[in-house]
Amino acid sequence: MFIDFIPRKAESEVLRLIQYFPAVAIVGPRQVGKTSLAKHLAAKLQKPTVYFDLEDPDDRAKFANPRLLLDPLADRTVILDEVQKQPGYLNESP
């Protein structure tokens, strides 16, 4: 039997945080279901969703000017998957 989504303990916490903050990061090791959780939660929200996979060169190229891309999407849920692939998007300490 195929399970489409495995419930996560973080689900209710992320939904709560989304109500208060303009950005919420879901971080963790590879292959633990972060993308599945983000897509699952986006479906529960009342806003349309836009998904960008920053491992995809085409999606990465769209971020040449992030403000120009993201400002018109302010009324949507934006999922940035594999954000670590985009230099400068994370506060990286030496």
N, C-alpha and C. Protein backbone atom coordinates (compact mmCIF):
# COMPACT_ATOMS: atom_id res chain seq x y z
N MET A 1 0.84 -1.17 0.00
CA MET A 1 0.00 0.00 0.00
C MET A 1 0.89 1.24 0.00
N PHE A 2 0.56 2.23 -0.83
CA PHE A 2 1.32 3.47 -0.93
C PHE A 2 0.68 4.52 -0.04
N ILE A 3 1.48 5.15 0.81
CA ILE A 3 0.99 6.22 1.67
C ILE A 3 1.38 7.53 1.02
N ASP A 4 0.39 8.36 0.71
CA ASP A 4 0.63 9.62 0.03
C ASP A 4 1.32 10.63 0.92
N PHE A 5 0.96 10.68 2.18
CA PHE A 5 1.57 11.64 3.10
C PHE A 5 1.61 11.03 4.48
N ILE A 6 2.77 11.11 5.11
CA ILE A 6 2.91 10.64 6.48
C ILE A 6 2.74 11.84 7.40
N PRO A 7 1.78 11.82 8.30
CA PRO A 7 1.59 12.97 9.20
C PRO A 7 2.87 13.25 10.00
N ARG A 8 3.16 14.52 10.15
CA ARG A 8 4.35 14.95 10.88
C ARG A 8 3.94 15.72 12.12
N LYS A 9 4.71 15.58 13.18
CA LYS A 9 4.44 16.32 14.40
C LYS A 9 4.56 17.83 14.15
N ALA A 10 5.41 18.20 13.21
CA ALA A 10 5.66 19.63 12.94
C ALA A 10 4.50 20.31 12.23
N GLU A 11 3.56 19.55 11.70
CA GLU A 11 2.48 20.14 10.90
C GLU A 11 1.74 21.25 11.63
N SER A 12 1.28 21.01 12.83
CA SER A 12 0.50 22.02 13.55
C SER A 12 1.37 23.22 13.91
N GLU A 13 2.63 22.98 14.23
CA GLU A 13 3.53 24.09 14.58
C GLU A 13 3.80 24.97 13.36
N VAL A 14 4.05 24.38 12.21
CA VAL A 14 4.29 25.17 11.01
C VAL A 14 3.04 25.96 10.64
N LEU A 15 1.88 25.35 10.72
CA LEU A 15 0.63 26.07 10.43
C LEU A 15 0.45 27.25 11.38
N ARG A 16 0.81 27.09 12.63
CA ARG A 16 0.71 28.18 13.60
C ARG A 16 1.68 29.31 13.24
N LEU A 17 2.91 28.95 12.92
CA LEU A 17 3.93 29.95 12.60
C LEU A 17 3.59 30.74 11.34
N ILE A 18 2.99 30.07 10.37
CA ILE A 18 2.63 30.74 9.12
C ILE A 18 1.64 31.89 9.37
N GLN A 19 0.86 31.78 10.42
CA GLN A 19 -0.10 32.84 10.74
C GLN A 19 0.58 34.11 11.24
N TYR A 20 1.80 34.01 11.75
CA TYR A 20 2.48 35.14 12.37
C TYR A 20 3.69 35.67 11.59
N PHE A 21 4.29 34.84 10.77
CA PHE A 21 5.53 35.23 10.10
C PHE A 21 5.38 35.16 8.59
N PRO A 22 6.02 36.09 7.87
CA PRO A 22 5.93 36.07 6.40
C PRO A 22 6.74 34.93 5.77
N ALA A 23 7.69 34.37 6.51
CA ALA A 23 8.48 33.26 6.00
C ALA A 23 8.70 32.25 7.11
N VAL A 24 8.55 30.99 6.77
CA VAL A 24 8.80 29.89 7.70
C VAL A 24 9.67 28.87 6.97
N ALA A 25 10.76 28.47 7.60
CA ALA A 25 11.66 27.49 7.00
C ALA A 25 11.42 26.12 7.62
N ILE A 26 11.41 25.12 6.78
CA ILE A 26 11.35 23.74 7.23
C ILE A 26 12.73 23.15 6.90
N VAL A 27 13.50 22.87 7.92
CA VAL A 27 14.87 22.38 7.71
C VAL A 27 15.02 21.00 8.33
N GLY A 28 15.98 20.27 7.82
CA GLY A 28 16.26 18.94 8.34
C GLY A 28 17.12 18.17 7.38
N PRO A 29 17.47 16.96 7.74
CA PRO A 29 18.31 16.13 6.87
C PRO A 29 17.61 15.82 5.54
N ARG A 30 18.39 15.36 4.60
CA ARG A 30 17.84 14.99 3.29
C ARG A 30 16.87 13.82 3.42
N GLN A 31 15.88 13.83 2.56
CA GLN A 31 14.97 12.70 2.40
C GLN A 31 14.13 12.37 3.62
N VAL A 32 13.73 13.40 4.39
CA VAL A 32 12.89 13.13 5.56
C VAL A 32 11.44 13.63 5.36
N GLY A 33 11.15 14.23 4.20
CA GLY A 33 9.79 14.64 3.92
C GLY A 33 9.51 16.13 4.02
N LYS A 34 10.53 16.95 3.97
CA LYS A 34 10.33 18.41 4.06
C LYS A 34 9.47 18.93 2.91
N THR A 35 9.78 18.51 1.69
CA THR A 35 9.02 18.96 0.52
C THR A 35 7.59 18.46 0.60
N SER A 36 7.41 17.21 0.96
CA SER A 36 6.05 16.65 1.09
C SER A 36 5.26 17.42 2.14
N LEU A 37 5.89 17.74 3.25
CA LEU A 37 5.21 18.49 4.30
C LEU A 37 4.82 19.87 3.80
N ALA A 38 5.75 20.56 3.13
CA ALA A 38 5.45 21.91 2.62
C ALA A 38 4.28 21.88 1.63
N LYS A 39 4.28 20.94 0.72
CA LYS A 39 3.19 20.85 -0.27
C LYS A 39 1.88 20.47 0.41
N HIS A 40 1.93 19.59 1.38
CA HIS A 40 0.74 19.19 2.12
C HIS A 40 0.14 20.38 2.86
N LEU A 41 0.98 21.16 3.52
CA LEU A 41 0.50 22.31 4.27
C LEU A 41 -0.03 23.40 3.35
N ALA A 42 0.63 23.60 2.22
CA ALA A 42 0.17 24.62 1.26
C ALA A 42 -1.25 24.31 0.79
N ALA A 43 -1.56 23.04 0.65
CA ALA A 43 -2.90 22.66 0.22
C ALA A 43 -3.95 22.98 1.28
N LYS A 44 -3.53 23.10 2.52
CA LYS A 44 -4.46 23.41 3.61
C LYS A 44 -4.71 24.92 3.76
N LEU A 45 -3.87 25.74 3.16
CA LEU A 45 -3.99 27.18 3.30
C LEU A 45 -5.02 27.72 2.31
N GLN A 46 -5.49 28.93 2.57
CA GLN A 46 -6.52 29.52 1.74
C GLN A 46 -5.96 30.29 0.55
N LYS A 47 -4.64 30.31 0.40
CA LYS A 47 -4.01 31.07 -0.68
C LYS A 47 -3.52 30.12 -1.77
N PRO A 48 -3.47 30.62 -3.02
CA PRO A 48 -2.85 29.83 -4.08
C PRO A 48 -1.35 29.64 -3.77
N THR A 49 -0.78 28.60 -4.31
CA THR A 49 0.61 28.26 -4.03
C THR A 49 1.45 28.33 -5.29
N VAL A 50 2.67 28.84 -5.15
CA VAL A 50 3.66 28.82 -6.22
C VAL A 50 4.86 28.06 -5.68
N TYR A 51 5.34 27.10 -6.46
CA TYR A 51 6.42 26.22 -6.03
C TYR A 51 7.64 26.43 -6.93
N PHE A 52 8.79 26.65 -6.33
CA PHE A 52 10.05 26.75 -7.06
C PHE A 52 11.01 25.71 -6.50
N ASP A 53 11.60 24.91 -7.39
CA ASP A 53 12.61 23.94 -7.00
C ASP A 53 13.96 24.50 -7.43
N LEU A 54 14.74 24.96 -6.47
CA LEU A 54 15.99 25.62 -6.80
C LEU A 54 17.10 24.66 -7.20
N GLU A 55 16.80 23.36 -7.27
CA GLU A 55 17.71 22.41 -7.92
C GLU A 55 17.51 22.45 -9.43
N ASP A 56 16.36 22.95 -9.87
CA ASP A 56 16.03 23.05 -11.29
C ASP A 56 16.67 24.33 -11.85
N PRO A 57 17.54 24.21 -12.84
CA PRO A 57 18.21 25.40 -13.39
C PRO A 57 17.22 26.46 -13.90
N ASP A 58 16.11 26.04 -14.46
CA ASP A 58 15.11 27.01 -14.95
C ASP A 58 14.51 27.82 -13.80
N ASP A 59 14.17 27.15 -12.70
CA ASP A 59 13.64 27.87 -11.54
C ASP A 59 14.71 28.77 -10.93
N ARG A 60 15.95 28.27 -10.85
CA ARG A 60 17.04 29.09 -10.30
C ARG A 60 17.23 30.36 -11.12
N ALA A 61 17.14 30.25 -12.45
CA ALA A 61 17.33 31.40 -13.33
C ALA A 61 16.26 32.47 -13.09
N LYS A 62 15.07 32.06 -12.68
CA LYS A 62 13.99 33.01 -12.40
C LYS A 62 14.34 33.95 -11.25
N PHE A 63 15.31 33.56 -10.43
CA PHE A 63 15.68 34.34 -9.25
C PHE A 63 16.85 35.29 -9.52
N ALA A 64 17.11 35.59 -10.78
CA ALA A 64 18.15 36.58 -11.10
C ALA A 64 17.81 37.92 -10.43
N ASN A 65 16.53 38.24 -10.36
CA ASN A 65 16.06 39.42 -9.65
C ASN A 65 14.92 38.97 -8.73
N PRO A 66 15.24 38.51 -7.52
CA PRO A 66 14.22 37.92 -6.63
C PRO A 66 13.06 38.86 -6.32
N ARG A 67 13.34 40.12 -6.10
CA ARG A 67 12.25 41.06 -5.76
C ARG A 67 11.27 41.18 -6.93
N LEU A 68 11.78 41.27 -8.14
CA LEU A 68 10.92 41.37 -9.31
C LEU A 68 10.04 40.13 -9.45
N LEU A 69 10.58 38.98 -9.10
CA LEU A 69 9.82 37.73 -9.17
C LEU A 69 8.82 37.60 -8.02
N LEU A 70 9.26 37.89 -6.80
CA LEU A 70 8.45 37.60 -5.61
C LEU A 70 7.44 38.68 -5.24
N ASP A 71 7.72 39.94 -5.51
CA ASP A 71 6.78 41.00 -5.12
C ASP A 71 5.36 40.76 -5.65
N PRO A 72 5.19 40.37 -6.91
CA PRO A 72 3.82 40.12 -7.40
C PRO A 72 3.15 38.88 -6.77
N LEU A 73 3.94 38.08 -6.06
CA LEU A 73 3.40 36.86 -5.45
C LEU A 73 3.09 37.04 -3.97
N ALA A 74 3.03 38.27 -3.49
CA ALA A 74 2.84 38.54 -2.06
C ALA A 74 1.55 37.96 -1.51
N ASP A 75 0.54 37.77 -2.33
CA ASP A 75 -0.73 37.23 -1.87
C ASP A 75 -0.80 35.71 -2.00
N ARG A 76 0.31 35.08 -2.27
CA ARG A 76 0.36 33.63 -2.45
C ARG A 76 1.30 32.98 -1.45
N THR A 77 1.15 31.69 -1.29
CA THR A 77 2.12 30.90 -0.54
C THR A 77 3.22 30.52 -1.52
N VAL A 78 4.44 30.88 -1.21
CA VAL A 78 5.58 30.57 -2.07
C VAL A 78 6.44 29.52 -1.37
N ILE A 79 6.67 28.43 -2.06
CA ILE A 79 7.53 27.37 -1.54
C ILE A 79 8.84 27.42 -2.32
N LEU A 80 9.93 27.61 -1.59
CA LEU A 80 11.27 27.57 -2.17
C LEU A 80 11.92 26.27 -1.71
N ASP A 81 11.94 25.30 -2.58
CA ASP A 81 12.53 24.01 -2.25
C ASP A 81 14.01 24.03 -2.62
N GLU A 82 14.82 23.39 -1.82
CA GLU A 82 16.27 23.32 -2.02
C GLU A 82 16.89 24.72 -2.03
N VAL A 83 16.43 25.57 -1.11
CA VAL A 83 16.88 26.96 -1.05
C VAL A 83 18.39 27.07 -0.81
N GLN A 84 18.99 26.05 -0.25
CA GLN A 84 20.43 26.09 -0.01
C GLN A 84 21.20 26.12 -1.33
N LYS A 85 20.56 25.82 -2.44
CA LYS A 85 21.21 25.85 -3.76
C LYS A 85 21.37 27.28 -4.28
N GLN A 86 20.68 28.23 -3.66
CA GLN A 86 20.73 29.63 -4.11
C GLN A 86 21.67 30.40 -3.18
N PRO A 87 22.86 30.73 -3.66
CA PRO A 87 23.83 31.44 -2.80
C PRO A 87 23.26 32.74 -2.24
N GLY A 88 23.52 32.96 -0.95
CA GLY A 88 23.12 34.20 -0.31
C GLY A 88 21.73 34.21 0.28
N TYR A 89 20.93 33.17 0.07
CA TYR A 89 19.56 33.16 0.60
C TYR A 89 19.50 32.75 2.06
N LEU A 90 20.51 32.05 2.51
CA LEU A 90 20.57 31.64 3.90
C LEU A 90 21.65 32.44 4.59
N ASN A 91 21.46 32.72 5.85
CA ASN A 91 22.47 33.44 6.61
C ASN A 91 23.60 32.46 6.93
N GLU A 92 24.62 32.50 6.09
CA GLU A 92 25.71 31.53 6.21
C GLU A 92 26.85 32.12 7.01
N SER A 93 27.20 31.49 8.09
CA SER A 93 28.31 31.93 8.92
C SER A 93 29.57 31.19 8.50
N PRO A 94 30.72 31.86 8.57
CA PRO A 94 31.98 31.17 8.21
C PRO A 94 32.34 30.10 9.20
